Amino acid sequence: LVFASKPFGTLDANSWEVFLSQRTM
């Protein structure tokens, strides 16, 4: 869940971002 981001390039990199992730926790 990405609250805010500044993407970089044409794929999936970011200059910066803040987000939630759920993997093992």
PDB file of all heavy atoms in Angstrom:
ATOM      1  N   LEU A   1       0.877  -1.167   0.000  1.00  0.00           N
ATOM      2  CA  LEU A   1       0.000   0.000   0.000  1.00  0.00           C
ATOM      3  C   LEU A   1       0.912   1.214   0.000  1.00  0.00           C
ATOM      4  O   LEU A   1       1.616   1.458   0.974  1.00  0.00           O
ATOM      5  CB  LEU A   1      -0.905   0.034   1.243  1.00  0.00           C
ATOM      6  CG  LEU A   1      -1.965  -1.049   1.411  1.00  0.00           C
ATOM      7  CD1 LEU A   1      -2.789  -0.768   2.673  1.00  0.00           C
ATOM      8  CD2 LEU A   1      -2.878  -1.143   0.201  1.00  0.00           C
ATOM      9  N   VAL A   2       0.908   1.973  -1.084  1.00  0.00           N
ATOM     10  CA  VAL A   2       1.827   3.093  -1.232  1.00  0.00           C
ATOM     11  C   VAL A   2       1.081   4.394  -0.948  1.00  0.00           C
ATOM     12  O   VAL A   2       0.167   4.766  -1.685  1.00  0.00           O
ATOM     13  CB  VAL A   2       2.449   3.110  -2.636  1.00  0.00           C
ATOM     14  CG1 VAL A   2       3.393   4.297  -2.779  1.00  0.00           C
ATOM     15  CG2 VAL A   2       3.210   1.810  -2.898  1.00  0.00           C
ATOM     16  N   PHE A   3       1.479   5.085   0.110  1.00  0.00           N
ATOM     17  CA  PHE A   3       0.828   6.334   0.486  1.00  0.00           C
ATOM     18  C   PHE A   3       1.302   7.496  -0.376  1.00  0.00           C
ATOM     19  O   PHE A   3       0.501   8.361  -0.740  1.00  0.00           O
ATOM     20  CB  PHE A   3       1.069   6.637   1.963  1.00  0.00           C
ATOM     21  CG  PHE A   3       0.500   5.602   2.888  1.00  0.00           C
ATOM     22  CD1 PHE A   3       1.330   4.748   3.595  1.00  0.00           C
ATOM     23  CD2 PHE A   3      -0.871   5.460   3.036  1.00  0.00           C
ATOM     24  CE1 PHE A   3       0.814   3.784   4.430  1.00  0.00           C
ATOM     25  CE2 PHE A   3      -1.408   4.493   3.873  1.00  0.00           C
ATOM     26  CZ  PHE A   3      -0.557   3.650   4.571  1.00  0.00           C
ATOM     27  N   ALA A   4       2.591   7.541  -0.688  1.00  0.00           N
ATOM     28  CA  ALA A   4       3.136   8.615  -1.527  1.00  0.00           C
ATOM     29  C   ALA A   4       4.413   8.115  -2.169  1.00  0.00           C
ATOM     30  O   ALA A   4       5.167   7.354  -1.560  1.00  0.00           O
ATOM     31  CB  ALA A   4       3.403   9.876  -0.709  1.00  0.00           C
ATOM     32  N   SER A   5       4.660   8.554  -3.398  1.00  0.00           N
ATOM     33  CA  SER A   5       5.852   8.079  -4.094  1.00  0.00           C
ATOM     34  C   SER A   5       6.278   9.071  -5.165  1.00  0.00           C
ATOM     35  O   SER A   5       5.455   9.818  -5.705  1.00  0.00           O
ATOM     36  CB  SER A   5       5.590   6.714  -4.745  1.00  0.00           C
ATOM     37  OG  SER A   5       4.667   6.827  -5.819  1.00  0.00           O
ATOM     38  N   LYS A   6       7.570   9.053  -5.452  1.00  0.00           N
ATOM     39  CA  LYS A   6       8.094   9.718  -6.642  1.00  0.00           C
ATOM     40  C   LYS A   6       8.867   8.669  -7.424  1.00  0.00           C
ATOM     41  O   LYS A   6      10.014   8.349  -7.110  1.00  0.00           O
ATOM     42  CB  LYS A   6       8.996  10.908  -6.318  1.00  0.00           C
ATOM     43  CG  LYS A   6       9.285  11.744  -7.580  1.00  0.00           C
ATOM     44  CD  LYS A   6      10.076  12.979  -7.320  1.00  0.00           C
ATOM     45  CE  LYS A   6      10.046  13.920  -8.513  1.00  0.00           C
ATOM     46  NZ  LYS A   6      10.325  13.270  -9.831  1.00  0.00           N
ATOM     47  N   PRO A   7       8.224   8.068  -8.427  1.00  0.00           N
ATOM     48  CA  PRO A   7       8.874   7.001  -9.185  1.00  0.00           C
ATOM     49  C   PRO A   7      10.114   7.494  -9.917  1.00  0.00           C
ATOM     50  O   PRO A   7      10.294   8.688 -10.166  1.00  0.00           O
ATOM     51  CB  PRO A   7       7.782   6.561 -10.173  1.00  0.00           C
ATOM     52  CG  PRO A   7       6.500   7.018  -9.550  1.00  0.00           C
ATOM     53  CD  PRO A   7       6.840   8.280  -8.835  1.00  0.00           C
ATOM     54  N   PHE A   8      10.956   6.509 -10.285  1.00  0.00           N
ATOM     55  CA  PHE A   8      12.158   6.789 -11.066  1.00  0.00           C
ATOM     56  C   PHE A   8      12.266   5.737 -12.164  1.00  0.00           C
ATOM     57  O   PHE A   8      12.143   4.543 -11.915  1.00  0.00           O
ATOM     58  CB  PHE A   8      13.403   6.740 -10.179  1.00  0.00           C
ATOM     59  CG  PHE A   8      14.686   6.951 -10.930  1.00  0.00           C
ATOM     60  CD1 PHE A   8      15.092   8.228 -11.279  1.00  0.00           C
ATOM     61  CD2 PHE A   8      15.472   5.872 -11.315  1.00  0.00           C
ATOM     62  CE1 PHE A   8      16.274   8.426 -11.988  1.00  0.00           C
ATOM     63  CE2 PHE A   8      16.648   6.057 -12.018  1.00  0.00           C
ATOM     64  CZ  PHE A   8      17.056   7.342 -12.361  1.00  0.00           C
ATOM     65  N   GLY A   9      12.495   6.192 -13.387  1.00  0.00           N
ATOM     66  CA  GLY A   9      12.605   5.266 -14.502  1.00  0.00           C
ATOM     67  C   GLY A   9      11.255   4.775 -14.980  1.00  0.00           C
ATOM     68  O   GLY A   9      10.205   5.298 -14.601  1.00  0.00           O
ATOM     69  N   THR A  10      11.287   3.741 -15.819  1.00  0.00           N
ATOM     70  CA  THR A  10      10.054   3.245 -16.455  1.00  0.00           C
ATOM     71  C   THR A  10       9.571   1.926 -15.870  1.00  0.00           C
ATOM     72  O   THR A  10       8.540   1.418 -16.307  1.00  0.00           O
ATOM     73  CB  THR A  10      10.287   3.050 -17.962  1.00  0.00           C
ATOM     74  OG1 THR A  10      11.375   2.112 -18.151  1.00  0.00           O
ATOM     75  CG2 THR A  10      10.643   4.368 -18.630  1.00  0.00           C
ATOM     76  N   LEU A  11      10.286   1.377 -14.872  1.00  0.00           N
ATOM     77  CA  LEU A  11       9.888   0.088 -14.322  1.00  0.00           C
ATOM     78  C   LEU A  11       9.337   0.253 -12.902  1.00  0.00           C
ATOM     79  O   LEU A  11       8.241   0.754 -12.732  1.00  0.00           O
ATOM     80  CB  LEU A  11      11.063  -0.893 -14.378  1.00  0.00           C
ATOM     81  CG  LEU A  11      11.565  -1.204 -15.802  1.00  0.00           C
ATOM     82  CD1 LEU A  11      12.774  -2.122 -15.763  1.00  0.00           C
ATOM     83  CD2 LEU A  11      10.453  -1.798 -16.653  1.00  0.00           C
ATOM     84  N   ASP A  12      10.104  -0.133 -11.884  1.00  0.00           N
ATOM     85  CA  ASP A  12       9.535  -0.123 -10.533  1.00  0.00           C
ATOM     86  C   ASP A  12      10.440   0.529  -9.492  1.00  0.00           C
ATOM     87  O   ASP A  12      10.258   0.317  -8.293  1.00  0.00           O
ATOM     88  CB  ASP A  12       9.192  -1.547 -10.090  1.00  0.00           C
ATOM     89  CG  ASP A  12      10.402  -2.484 -10.107  1.00  0.00           C
ATOM     90  OD1 ASP A  12      11.506  -2.022 -10.457  1.00  0.00           O
ATOM     91  OD2 ASP A  12      10.239  -3.665  -9.764  1.00  0.00           O
ATOM     92  N   ALA A  13      11.413   1.336  -9.913  1.00  0.00           N
ATOM     93  CA  ALA A  13      12.262   2.043  -8.953  1.00  0.00           C
ATOM     94  C   ALA A  13      11.593   3.336  -8.504  1.00  0.00           C
ATOM     95  O   ALA A  13      10.655   3.828  -9.139  1.00  0.00           O
ATOM     96  CB  ALA A  13      13.633   2.336  -9.567  1.00  0.00           C
ATOM     97  N   ASN A  14      12.082   3.894  -7.403  1.00  0.00           N
ATOM     98  CA  ASN A  14      11.533   5.134  -6.855  1.00  0.00           C
ATOM     99  C   ASN A  14      12.650   6.020  -6.321  1.00  0.00           C
ATOM    100  O   ASN A  14      13.567   5.544  -5.653  1.00  0.00           O
ATOM    101  CB  ASN A  14      10.558   4.847  -5.707  1.00  0.00           C
ATOM    102  CG  ASN A  14       9.270   4.221  -6.191  1.00  0.00           C
ATOM    103  OD1 ASN A  14       9.199   3.018  -6.386  1.00  0.00           O
ATOM    104  ND2 ASN A  14       8.256   5.034  -6.391  1.00  0.00           N
ATOM    105  N   SER A  15      12.547   7.321  -6.609  1.00  0.00           N
ATOM    106  CA  SER A  15      13.417   8.280  -5.934  1.00  0.00           C
ATOM    107  C   SER A  15      13.132   8.243  -4.436  1.00  0.00           C
ATOM    108  O   SER A  15      14.056   8.266  -3.616  1.00  0.00           O
ATOM    109  CB  SER A  15      13.201   9.682  -6.497  1.00  0.00           C
ATOM    110  OG  SER A  15      13.507   9.730  -7.869  1.00  0.00           O
ATOM    111  N   TRP A  16      11.840   8.203  -4.081  1.00  0.00           N
ATOM    112  CA  TRP A  16      11.429   8.003  -2.692  1.00  0.00           C
ATOM    113  C   TRP A  16       9.990   7.503  -2.655  1.00  0.00           C
ATOM    114  O   TRP A  16       9.236   7.667  -3.620  1.00  0.00           O
ATOM    115  CB  TRP A  16      11.586   9.273  -1.846  1.00  0.00           C
ATOM    116  CG  TRP A  16      10.913  10.522  -2.361  1.00  0.00           C
ATOM    117  CD1 TRP A  16      11.516  11.580  -2.991  1.00  0.00           C
ATOM    118  CD2 TRP A  16       9.516  10.864  -2.296  1.00  0.00           C
ATOM    119  NE1 TRP A  16      10.595  12.546  -3.313  1.00  0.00           N
ATOM    120  CE2 TRP A  16       9.361  12.137  -2.900  1.00  0.00           C
ATOM    121  CE3 TRP A  16       8.394  10.232  -1.798  1.00  0.00           C
ATOM    122  CZ2 TRP A  16       8.117  12.778  -3.002  1.00  0.00           C
ATOM    123  CZ3 TRP A  16       7.139  10.861  -1.900  1.00  0.00           C
ATOM    124  CH2 TRP A  16       7.028  12.124  -2.489  1.00  0.00           C
ATOM    125  N   GLU A  17       9.616   6.875  -1.551  1.00  0.00           N
ATOM    126  CA  GLU A  17       8.249   6.394  -1.355  1.00  0.00           C
ATOM    127  C   GLU A  17       8.066   6.030   0.113  1.00  0.00           C
ATOM    128  O   GLU A  17       9.027   5.780   0.835  1.00  0.00           O
ATOM    129  CB  GLU A  17       7.943   5.181  -2.237  1.00  0.00           C
ATOM    130  CG  GLU A  17       8.866   4.002  -2.003  1.00  0.00           C
ATOM    131  CD  GLU A  17       8.598   2.838  -2.936  1.00  0.00           C
ATOM    132  OE1 GLU A  17       7.443   2.655  -3.360  1.00  0.00           O
ATOM    133  OE2 GLU A  17       9.558   2.086  -3.230  1.00  0.00           O
ATOM    134  N   VAL A  18       6.817   6.002   0.550  1.00  0.00           N
ATOM    135  CA  VAL A  18       6.481   5.516   1.887  1.00  0.00           C
ATOM    136  C   VAL A  18       5.304   4.563   1.724  1.00  0.00           C
ATOM    137  O   VAL A  18       4.305   4.893   1.079  1.00  0.00           O
ATOM    138  CB  VAL A  18       6.165   6.677   2.865  1.00  0.00           C
ATOM    139  CG1 VAL A  18       5.043   7.568   2.366  1.00  0.00           C
ATOM    140  CG2 VAL A  18       5.846   6.132   4.247  1.00  0.00           C
ATOM    141  N   PHE A  19       5.434   3.336   2.294  1.00  0.00           N
ATOM    142  CA  PHE A  19       4.434   2.319   2.014  1.00  0.00           C
ATOM    143  C   PHE A  19       4.416   1.236   3.091  1.00  0.00           C
ATOM    144  O   PHE A  19       5.357   1.095   3.872  1.00  0.00           O
ATOM    145  CB  PHE A  19       4.691   1.684   0.645  1.00  0.00           C
ATOM    146  CG  PHE A  19       6.000   0.952   0.516  1.00  0.00           C
ATOM    147  CD1 PHE A  19       6.071  -0.420   0.705  1.00  0.00           C
ATOM    148  CD2 PHE A  19       7.169   1.620   0.186  1.00  0.00           C
ATOM    149  CE1 PHE A  19       7.267  -1.113   0.572  1.00  0.00           C
ATOM    150  CE2 PHE A  19       8.371   0.943   0.042  1.00  0.00           C
ATOM    151  CZ  PHE A  19       8.424  -0.426   0.242  1.00  0.00           C
ATOM    152  N   LEU A  20       3.336   0.466   3.096  1.00  0.00           N
ATOM    153  CA  LEU A  20       3.216  -0.723   3.924  1.00  0.00           C
ATOM    154  C   LEU A  20       3.460  -1.953   3.062  1.00  0.00           C
ATOM    155  O   LEU A  20       3.059  -1.998   1.897  1.00  0.00           O
ATOM    156  CB  LEU A  20       1.817  -0.839   4.540  1.00  0.00           C
ATOM    157  CG  LEU A  20       1.393   0.194   5.574  1.00  0.00           C
ATOM    158  CD1 LEU A  20      -0.006  -0.146   6.083  1.00  0.00           C
ATOM    159  CD2 LEU A  20       2.374   0.261   6.724  1.00  0.00           C
ATOM    160  N   SER A  21       4.093  -2.957   3.653  1.00  0.00           N
ATOM    161  CA  SER A  21       4.359  -4.218   2.969  1.00  0.00           C
ATOM    162  C   SER A  21       4.014  -5.369   3.901  1.00  0.00           C
ATOM    163  O   SER A  21       4.259  -5.289   5.108  1.00  0.00           O
ATOM    164  CB  SER A  21       5.828  -4.314   2.564  1.00  0.00           C
ATOM    165  OG  SER A  21       6.158  -5.613   2.122  1.00  0.00           O
ATOM    166  N   GLN A  22       3.451  -6.439   3.350  1.00  0.00           N
ATOM    167  CA  GLN A  22       3.166  -7.627   4.147  1.00  0.00           C
ATOM    168  C   GLN A  22       3.799  -8.845   3.483  1.00  0.00           C
ATOM    169  O   GLN A  22       3.341  -9.302   2.447  1.00  0.00           O
ATOM    170  CB  GLN A  22       1.655  -7.846   4.297  1.00  0.00           C
ATOM    171  CG  GLN A  22       1.334  -8.982   5.238  1.00  0.00           C
ATOM    172  CD  GLN A  22      -0.129  -9.103   5.589  1.00  0.00           C
ATOM    173  OE1 GLN A  22      -0.467  -9.724   6.574  1.00  0.00           O
ATOM    174  NE2 GLN A  22      -1.006  -8.515   4.795  1.00  0.00           N
ATOM    175  N   ARG A  23       4.878  -9.310   4.081  1.00  0.00           N
ATOM    176  CA  ARG A  23       5.532 -10.527   3.620  1.00  0.00           C
ATOM    177  C   ARG A  23       5.398 -11.549   4.742  1.00  0.00           C
ATOM    178  O   ARG A  23       4.353 -12.142   4.931  1.00  0.00           O
ATOM    179  CB  ARG A  23       6.978 -10.231   3.232  1.00  0.00           C
ATOM    180  CG  ARG A  23       7.048  -9.302   2.011  1.00  0.00           C
ATOM    181  CD  ARG A  23       8.448  -8.909   1.640  1.00  0.00           C
ATOM    182  NE  ARG A  23       8.437  -8.020   0.475  1.00  0.00           N
ATOM    183  CZ  ARG A  23       9.492  -7.385   0.011  1.00  0.00           C
ATOM    184  NH1 ARG A  23      10.667  -7.534   0.606  1.00  0.00           N
ATOM    185  NH2 ARG A  23       9.405  -6.604  -1.045  1.00  0.00           N
ATOM    186  N   THR A  24       6.463 -11.783   5.496  1.00  0.00           N
ATOM    187  CA  THR A  24       6.305 -12.636   6.664  1.00  0.00           C
ATOM    188  C   THR A  24       5.628 -11.893   7.807  1.00  0.00           C
ATOM    189  O   THR A  24       5.070 -12.498   8.712  1.00  0.00           O
ATOM    190  CB  THR A  24       7.669 -13.161   7.137  1.00  0.00           C
ATOM    191  OG1 THR A  24       8.517 -12.042   7.405  1.00  0.00           O
ATOM    192  CG2 THR A  24       8.294 -14.026   6.057  1.00  0.00           C
ATOM    193  N   MET A  25       5.691 -10.570   7.772  1.00  0.00           N
ATOM    194  CA  MET A  25       5.023  -9.732   8.760  1.00  0.00           C
ATOM    195  C   MET A  25       4.747  -8.380   8.107  1.00  0.00           C
ATOM    196  O   MET A  25       5.284  -8.066   7.038  1.00  0.00           O
ATOM    197  CB  MET A  25       5.869  -9.556  10.020  1.00  0.00           C
ATOM    198  CG  MET A  25       7.204  -8.900   9.783  1.00  0.00           C
ATOM    199  SD  MET A  25       8.252  -8.895  11.269  1.00  0.00           S
ATOM    200  CE  MET A  25       8.548 -10.653  11.471  1.00  0.00           C
TER     201      MET A  25
END
